[in-house]
Amino acid sequence: MVSAALLARARTLRALLAGIALLVAGVVLLLAAPNPSFGYFAYAPLSDTTFLPNVHPWQERTGQVLVLVGAVVVAFALGRLSVRRR
């Protein structure tokens, strides 16, 4: 029969692996996000375009959220694994 402590440790290790996977996925999305274009803008804009300030691609926002959630999960799992049980 498997003890409750062993099951809790296995669950915590799974959470740690899931957190690391979220961190990696977030970093990949942040690196894959298209870079903003900077260029010469001292000319009349095209008539059919509008200026949209602070437009960020979805990869950037999703990557930031995944990195944040992954870091919190990893910190919680490592803290739980570092506790010495008696």
Protein backbone atom coordinates (compact mmCIF):
# COMPACT_ATOMS: atom_id res chain seq x y z
CA MET A 1 0.00 0.00 0.00
CA VAL A 2 1.28 3.46 -0.90
CA SER A 3 1.54 5.96 1.91
CA ALA A 4 -0.13 9.36 1.83
CA ALA A 5 3.23 11.13 2.10
CA LEU A 6 4.50 9.36 -1.01
CA LEU A 7 1.37 10.32 -2.94
CA ALA A 8 1.71 13.94 -1.83
CA ARG A 9 5.36 13.99 -2.91
CA ALA A 10 4.45 12.54 -6.31
CA ARG A 11 1.72 15.16 -6.73
CA THR A 12 4.19 17.91 -5.83
CA LEU A 13 6.74 16.58 -8.32
CA ARG A 14 4.06 16.58 -11.03
CA ALA A 15 3.24 20.19 -10.15
CA LEU A 16 6.94 21.05 -10.36
CA LEU A 17 7.21 19.51 -13.82
CA ALA A 18 4.04 21.28 -14.96
CA GLY A 19 5.41 24.60 -13.68
CA ILE A 20 8.69 24.08 -15.52
CA ALA A 21 6.75 23.23 -18.68
CA LEU A 22 4.72 26.45 -18.31
CA LEU A 23 7.91 28.45 -17.85
CA VAL A 24 9.48 26.96 -20.96
CA ALA A 25 6.32 27.48 -23.01
CA GLY A 26 6.11 31.11 -21.87
CA VAL A 27 9.72 31.81 -22.76
CA VAL A 28 9.25 30.20 -26.18
CA LEU A 29 6.18 32.36 -26.83
CA LEU A 30 8.03 35.49 -25.74
CA LEU A 31 10.93 34.68 -28.03
CA ALA A 32 8.60 33.85 -30.93
CA ALA A 33 6.60 37.08 -30.60
CA PRO A 34 7.11 39.43 -33.51
CA ASN A 35 9.28 42.42 -32.76
CA PRO A 36 7.72 45.87 -32.92
CA SER A 37 8.71 47.79 -35.99
CA PHE A 38 10.53 51.05 -35.52
CA GLY A 39 11.25 53.21 -38.47
CA TYR A 40 11.28 56.59 -39.98
CA PHE A 41 7.91 58.21 -39.37
CA ALA A 42 8.37 61.83 -40.43
CA TYR A 43 6.09 61.51 -43.42
CA ALA A 44 2.39 61.73 -43.99
CA PRO A 45 0.69 58.48 -43.00
CA LEU A 46 -1.31 56.51 -45.49
CA SER A 47 -4.93 57.56 -45.55
CA ASP A 48 -6.36 54.12 -44.78
CA THR A 49 -4.21 53.35 -41.72
CA THR A 50 -4.80 54.33 -38.14
CA PHE A 51 -2.34 54.72 -35.30
CA LEU A 52 -2.78 52.11 -32.59
CA PRO A 53 -0.47 52.75 -29.63
CA ASN A 54 0.65 49.96 -27.31
CA VAL A 55 -0.47 47.11 -29.50
CA HIS A 56 1.22 43.95 -28.33
CA PRO A 57 0.90 40.60 -30.09
CA TRP A 58 -0.97 37.80 -28.35
CA GLN A 59 2.24 35.78 -28.03
CA GLU A 60 3.74 38.45 -25.81
CA ARG A 61 0.77 38.68 -23.45
CA THR A 62 0.28 34.91 -23.28
CA GLY A 63 4.00 34.35 -22.76
CA GLN A 64 4.08 36.78 -19.87
CA VAL A 65 1.12 35.08 -18.19
CA LEU A 66 2.61 31.60 -18.68
CA VAL A 67 5.97 32.67 -17.25
CA LEU A 68 4.25 34.23 -14.23
CA VAL A 69 2.03 31.22 -13.53
CA GLY A 70 4.90 28.80 -14.12
CA ALA A 71 7.18 30.69 -11.74
CA VAL A 72 4.53 30.70 -9.01
CA VAL A 73 3.87 26.97 -9.41
CA VAL A 74 7.60 26.15 -9.40
CA ALA A 75 8.19 28.30 -6.32
CA PHE A 76 5.31 26.65 -4.48
CA ALA A 77 6.42 23.14 -5.45
CA LEU A 78 10.06 23.76 -4.50
CA GLY A 79 8.98 25.24 -1.19
CA ARG A 80 6.79 22.26 -0.49
CA LEU A 81 9.56 19.82 -1.43
CA SER A 82 12.08 21.62 0.75
CA VAL A 83 10.02 21.15 3.91
CA ARG A 84 11.38 18.34 6.02
CA ARG A 85 8.64 15.99 7.11
CA ARG A 86 8.92 13.97 10.32
